[in-house]
Amino acid sequence: MANFWVKRNHTLGLLQMRKNAFNWAVYAESEFSMNCIYEEGELEDLVIFSKPGAKGRLMISSNLLELHILLGVLLTPFKVSIENEIVKNLDLILIG
């Protein structure tokens, strides 16, 4: 099994990041068949996502984005390419 974390600071504020993270969750559900649960909070939001072989969480606040993913054994050999694709998608969240 493989883990990876991504942490990024941003200046978009919680409301804009909330919109961007929600759109990312919709995209992950449609493009990657992820099961996403969006939990909106007062100071931060959390997207919990999973599919067979992968699970994780995306946390956003007014100035921080944190992503943690755990890949199962079958996806571990593809860790680098999966991580690169996810980081590219996270960059899109940060620009809206």
N, C-alpha and C. Protein backbone atom coordinates (compact mmCIF):
# COMPACT_ATOMS: atom_id res chain seq x y z
N MET A 1 0.84 -1.17 0.00
CA MET A 1 0.00 0.00 0.00
C MET A 1 0.89 1.24 0.00
N ALA A 2 0.38 2.28 -0.62
CA ALA A 2 1.15 3.51 -0.73
C ALA A 2 0.30 4.70 -0.25
N ASN A 3 0.94 5.59 0.46
CA ASN A 3 0.32 6.83 0.93
C ASN A 3 0.97 8.01 0.24
N PHE A 4 0.19 9.05 0.01
CA PHE A 4 0.83 10.32 -0.30
C PHE A 4 -0.03 11.47 0.18
N TRP A 5 0.66 12.56 0.51
CA TRP A 5 0.05 13.77 1.03
C TRP A 5 0.46 14.93 0.16
N VAL A 6 -0.46 15.86 0.00
CA VAL A 6 -0.18 17.12 -0.69
C VAL A 6 -0.72 18.22 0.20
N LYS A 7 0.07 19.24 0.40
CA LYS A 7 -0.35 20.38 1.22
C LYS A 7 -0.01 21.64 0.43
N ARG A 8 -1.00 22.50 0.24
CA ARG A 8 -0.79 23.73 -0.51
C ARG A 8 -1.45 24.90 0.22
N ASN A 9 -0.74 25.99 0.33
CA ASN A 9 -1.32 27.24 0.81
C ASN A 9 -2.00 27.94 -0.35
N HIS A 10 -3.01 28.74 -0.05
CA HIS A 10 -3.70 29.50 -1.10
C HIS A 10 -4.25 30.79 -0.50
N THR A 11 -4.70 31.66 -1.37
CA THR A 11 -5.26 32.95 -0.94
C THR A 11 -6.69 33.14 -1.44
N LEU A 12 -7.37 32.05 -1.80
CA LEU A 12 -8.70 32.15 -2.39
C LEU A 12 -9.82 32.35 -1.38
N GLY A 13 -9.59 32.04 -0.13
CA GLY A 13 -10.65 32.13 0.87
C GLY A 13 -11.52 30.87 0.87
N LEU A 14 -12.26 30.69 1.94
CA LEU A 14 -13.05 29.47 2.10
C LEU A 14 -14.19 29.38 1.10
N LEU A 15 -14.90 30.46 0.83
CA LEU A 15 -16.05 30.37 -0.07
C LEU A 15 -15.65 29.95 -1.48
N GLN A 16 -14.59 30.53 -2.01
CA GLN A 16 -14.14 30.15 -3.35
C GLN A 16 -13.60 28.73 -3.36
N MET A 17 -12.83 28.37 -2.33
CA MET A 17 -12.30 27.01 -2.26
C MET A 17 -13.42 25.99 -2.09
N ARG A 18 -14.46 26.36 -1.38
CA ARG A 18 -15.61 25.47 -1.21
C ARG A 18 -16.22 25.15 -2.58
N LYS A 19 -16.40 26.17 -3.37
CA LYS A 19 -16.95 25.99 -4.73
C LYS A 19 -16.01 25.11 -5.55
N ASN A 20 -14.73 25.40 -5.52
CA ASN A 20 -13.75 24.64 -6.30
C ASN A 20 -13.66 23.18 -5.84
N ALA A 21 -13.66 22.96 -4.54
CA ALA A 21 -13.56 21.59 -4.01
C ALA A 21 -14.82 20.80 -4.33
N PHE A 22 -15.98 21.44 -4.26
CA PHE A 22 -17.21 20.75 -4.61
C PHE A 22 -17.18 20.34 -6.09
N ASN A 23 -16.73 21.25 -6.95
CA ASN A 23 -16.61 20.92 -8.38
C ASN A 23 -15.62 19.78 -8.59
N TRP A 24 -14.53 19.76 -7.82
CA TRP A 24 -13.57 18.66 -7.93
C TRP A 24 -14.23 17.35 -7.54
N ALA A 25 -15.04 17.35 -6.49
CA ALA A 25 -15.72 16.13 -6.05
C ALA A 25 -16.67 15.62 -7.13
N VAL A 26 -17.40 16.52 -7.76
CA VAL A 26 -18.30 16.12 -8.85
C VAL A 26 -17.49 15.52 -10.00
N TYR A 27 -16.37 16.16 -10.33
CA TYR A 27 -15.48 15.65 -11.39
C TYR A 27 -14.93 14.27 -11.03
N ALA A 28 -14.48 14.10 -9.79
CA ALA A 28 -13.92 12.81 -9.36
C ALA A 28 -14.97 11.71 -9.43
N GLU A 29 -16.20 12.05 -9.09
CA GLU A 29 -17.27 11.06 -9.18
C GLU A 29 -17.55 10.66 -10.62
N SER A 30 -17.60 11.63 -11.51
CA SER A 30 -17.95 11.32 -12.90
C SER A 30 -16.78 10.74 -13.69
N GLU A 31 -15.58 11.23 -13.49
CA GLU A 31 -14.45 10.79 -14.30
C GLU A 31 -13.72 9.58 -13.74
N PHE A 32 -13.72 9.41 -12.42
CA PHE A 32 -12.94 8.35 -11.80
C PHE A 32 -13.79 7.37 -10.99
N SER A 33 -15.11 7.49 -11.11
CA SER A 33 -16.05 6.61 -10.39
C SER A 33 -15.79 6.60 -8.89
N MET A 34 -15.40 7.75 -8.35
CA MET A 34 -15.18 7.88 -6.92
C MET A 34 -16.51 8.07 -6.20
N ASN A 35 -16.60 7.56 -5.01
CA ASN A 35 -17.71 7.85 -4.13
C ASN A 35 -17.24 9.00 -3.24
N CYS A 36 -17.87 10.17 -3.37
CA CYS A 36 -17.43 11.35 -2.62
C CYS A 36 -18.51 11.80 -1.64
N ILE A 37 -18.09 12.12 -0.45
CA ILE A 37 -18.96 12.69 0.57
C ILE A 37 -18.39 14.06 0.92
N TYR A 38 -19.20 15.08 0.76
CA TYR A 38 -18.75 16.45 1.03
C TYR A 38 -19.33 16.88 2.37
N GLU A 39 -18.46 17.27 3.29
CA GLU A 39 -18.87 17.73 4.61
C GLU A 39 -18.45 19.19 4.76
N GLU A 40 -19.44 20.06 4.83
CA GLU A 40 -19.18 21.49 4.96
C GLU A 40 -19.11 21.87 6.43
N GLY A 41 -18.07 22.60 6.79
CA GLY A 41 -17.90 23.04 8.17
C GLY A 41 -17.83 24.55 8.26
N GLU A 42 -17.78 25.04 9.48
CA GLU A 42 -17.73 26.48 9.68
C GLU A 42 -16.38 27.07 9.25
N LEU A 43 -15.28 26.38 9.58
CA LEU A 43 -13.95 26.89 9.25
C LEU A 43 -13.22 26.07 8.19
N GLU A 44 -13.69 24.84 7.94
CA GLU A 44 -13.05 24.01 6.93
C GLU A 44 -14.06 22.99 6.40
N ASP A 45 -13.81 22.54 5.20
CA ASP A 45 -14.65 21.52 4.56
C ASP A 45 -13.81 20.28 4.34
N LEU A 46 -14.48 19.16 4.22
CA LEU A 46 -13.81 17.90 4.03
C LEU A 46 -14.52 17.11 2.94
N VAL A 47 -13.75 16.60 1.99
CA VAL A 47 -14.27 15.68 0.99
C VAL A 47 -13.63 14.33 1.27
N ILE A 48 -14.46 13.35 1.58
CA ILE A 48 -13.98 11.99 1.80
C ILE A 48 -14.33 11.22 0.53
N PHE A 49 -13.33 10.57 -0.06
CA PHE A 49 -13.57 9.89 -1.32
C PHE A 49 -12.98 8.48 -1.28
N SER A 50 -13.60 7.61 -2.08
CA SER A 50 -13.11 6.24 -2.13
C SER A 50 -13.60 5.56 -3.40
N LYS A 51 -12.90 4.53 -3.75
CA LYS A 51 -13.27 3.60 -4.79
C LYS A 51 -12.45 2.34 -4.53
N PRO A 52 -12.78 1.24 -5.14
CA PRO A 52 -11.97 0.04 -4.89
C PRO A 52 -10.49 0.31 -5.19
N GLY A 53 -9.65 0.10 -4.20
CA GLY A 53 -8.22 0.28 -4.36
C GLY A 53 -7.67 1.63 -3.97
N ALA A 54 -8.54 2.58 -3.63
CA ALA A 54 -8.06 3.92 -3.25
C ALA A 54 -9.07 4.60 -2.34
N LYS A 55 -8.54 5.36 -1.40
CA LYS A 55 -9.40 6.18 -0.56
C LYS A 55 -8.60 7.35 -0.04
N GLY A 56 -9.31 8.39 0.37
CA GLY A 56 -8.60 9.54 0.89
C GLY A 56 -9.52 10.64 1.34
N ARG A 57 -8.90 11.79 1.62
CA ARG A 57 -9.66 12.94 2.05
C ARG A 57 -8.99 14.21 1.56
N LEU A 58 -9.82 15.18 1.24
CA LEU A 58 -9.37 16.50 0.84
C LEU A 58 -9.95 17.48 1.84
N MET A 59 -9.08 18.23 2.51
CA MET A 59 -9.51 19.22 3.49
C MET A 59 -9.16 20.59 2.94
N ILE A 60 -10.14 21.50 3.01
CA ILE A 60 -9.88 22.88 2.59
C ILE A 60 -10.25 23.82 3.73
N SER A 61 -9.52 24.90 3.81
CA SER A 61 -9.85 25.98 4.74
C SER A 61 -9.65 27.29 3.99
N SER A 62 -9.71 28.38 4.69
CA SER A 62 -9.61 29.69 4.04
C SER A 62 -8.24 29.93 3.41
N ASN A 63 -7.22 29.18 3.85
CA ASN A 63 -5.88 29.42 3.31
C ASN A 63 -5.05 28.15 3.07
N LEU A 64 -5.66 26.96 3.22
CA LEU A 64 -4.90 25.73 3.11
C LEU A 64 -5.71 24.64 2.43
N LEU A 65 -5.03 23.84 1.64
CA LEU A 65 -5.60 22.65 1.03
C LEU A 65 -4.70 21.49 1.42
N GLU A 66 -5.29 20.43 1.94
CA GLU A 66 -4.52 19.23 2.30
C GLU A 66 -5.21 18.01 1.70
N LEU A 67 -4.43 17.16 1.09
CA LEU A 67 -4.95 15.95 0.47
C LEU A 67 -4.15 14.76 0.99
N HIS A 68 -4.86 13.72 1.38
CA HIS A 68 -4.22 12.47 1.78
C HIS A 68 -4.88 11.34 1.01
N ILE A 69 -4.07 10.49 0.38
CA ILE A 69 -4.59 9.36 -0.38
C ILE A 69 -3.84 8.09 0.04
N LEU A 70 -4.61 7.03 0.16
CA LEU A 70 -4.07 5.70 0.43
C LEU A 70 -4.43 4.82 -0.76
N LEU A 71 -3.43 4.29 -1.42
CA LEU A 71 -3.63 3.40 -2.56
C LEU A 71 -3.50 1.95 -2.10
N GLY A 72 -4.36 1.10 -2.61
CA GLY A 72 -4.28 -0.31 -2.31
C GLY A 72 -3.13 -0.97 -3.06
N VAL A 73 -2.94 -2.23 -2.79
CA VAL A 73 -1.82 -2.98 -3.35
C VAL A 73 -1.82 -2.96 -4.88
N LEU A 74 -2.98 -3.13 -5.50
CA LEU A 74 -3.03 -3.19 -6.96
C LEU A 74 -2.70 -1.86 -7.64
N LEU A 75 -2.96 -0.75 -6.95
CA LEU A 75 -2.68 0.56 -7.54
C LEU A 75 -1.30 1.11 -7.15
N THR A 76 -0.66 0.51 -6.19
CA THR A 76 0.65 0.99 -5.72
C THR A 76 1.68 1.12 -6.85
N PRO A 77 1.75 0.19 -7.80
CA PRO A 77 2.73 0.36 -8.88
C PRO A 77 2.49 1.62 -9.74
N PHE A 78 1.29 2.16 -9.68
CA PHE A 78 0.95 3.34 -10.48
C PHE A 78 0.97 4.62 -9.66
N LYS A 79 1.57 4.55 -8.47
CA LYS A 79 1.56 5.68 -7.54
C LYS A 79 2.05 6.98 -8.18
N VAL A 80 3.16 6.94 -8.88
CA VAL A 80 3.74 8.17 -9.43
C VAL A 80 2.80 8.80 -10.45
N SER A 81 2.26 8.01 -11.36
CA SER A 81 1.38 8.59 -12.37
C SER A 81 0.06 9.06 -11.76
N ILE A 82 -0.46 8.33 -10.78
CA ILE A 82 -1.68 8.76 -10.09
C ILE A 82 -1.44 10.05 -9.33
N GLU A 83 -0.32 10.11 -8.62
CA GLU A 83 0.01 11.32 -7.87
C GLU A 83 0.18 12.52 -8.80
N ASN A 84 0.85 12.34 -9.93
CA ASN A 84 1.03 13.44 -10.88
C ASN A 84 -0.31 13.94 -11.41
N GLU A 85 -1.22 13.04 -11.73
CA GLU A 85 -2.52 13.43 -12.24
C GLU A 85 -3.33 14.17 -11.18
N ILE A 86 -3.27 13.69 -9.97
CA ILE A 86 -4.01 14.33 -8.88
C ILE A 86 -3.45 15.72 -8.58
N VAL A 87 -2.15 15.85 -8.55
CA VAL A 87 -1.53 17.16 -8.31
C VAL A 87 -1.93 18.14 -9.41
N LYS A 88 -1.97 17.67 -10.65
CA LYS A 88 -2.40 18.53 -11.76
C LYS A 88 -3.84 18.99 -11.53
N ASN A 89 -4.71 18.07 -11.11
CA ASN A 89 -6.10 18.43 -10.84
C ASN A 89 -6.21 19.37 -9.65
N LEU A 90 -5.38 19.20 -8.64
CA LEU A 90 -5.40 20.10 -7.49
C LEU A 90 -4.98 21.51 -7.89
N ASP A 91 -4.03 21.60 -8.81
CA ASP A 91 -3.63 22.91 -9.30
C ASP A 91 -4.82 23.62 -9.94
N LEU A 92 -5.70 22.87 -10.60
CA LEU A 92 -6.90 23.46 -11.19
C LEU A 92 -7.85 23.96 -10.10
N ILE A 93 -7.93 23.26 -8.99
CA ILE A 93 -8.76 23.72 -7.87
C ILE A 93 -8.26 25.06 -7.36
N LEU A 94 -6.95 25.19 -7.30
CA LEU A 94 -6.37 26.41 -6.72
C LEU A 94 -6.50 27.62 -7.62
N ILE A 95 -6.75 27.41 -8.92
CA ILE A 95 -6.96 28.57 -9.79
C ILE A 95 -8.42 28.77 -10.13
N GLY A 96 -9.26 27.84 -9.69
CA GLY A 96 -10.69 27.98 -9.88
C GLY A 96 -11.14 27.41 -11.17
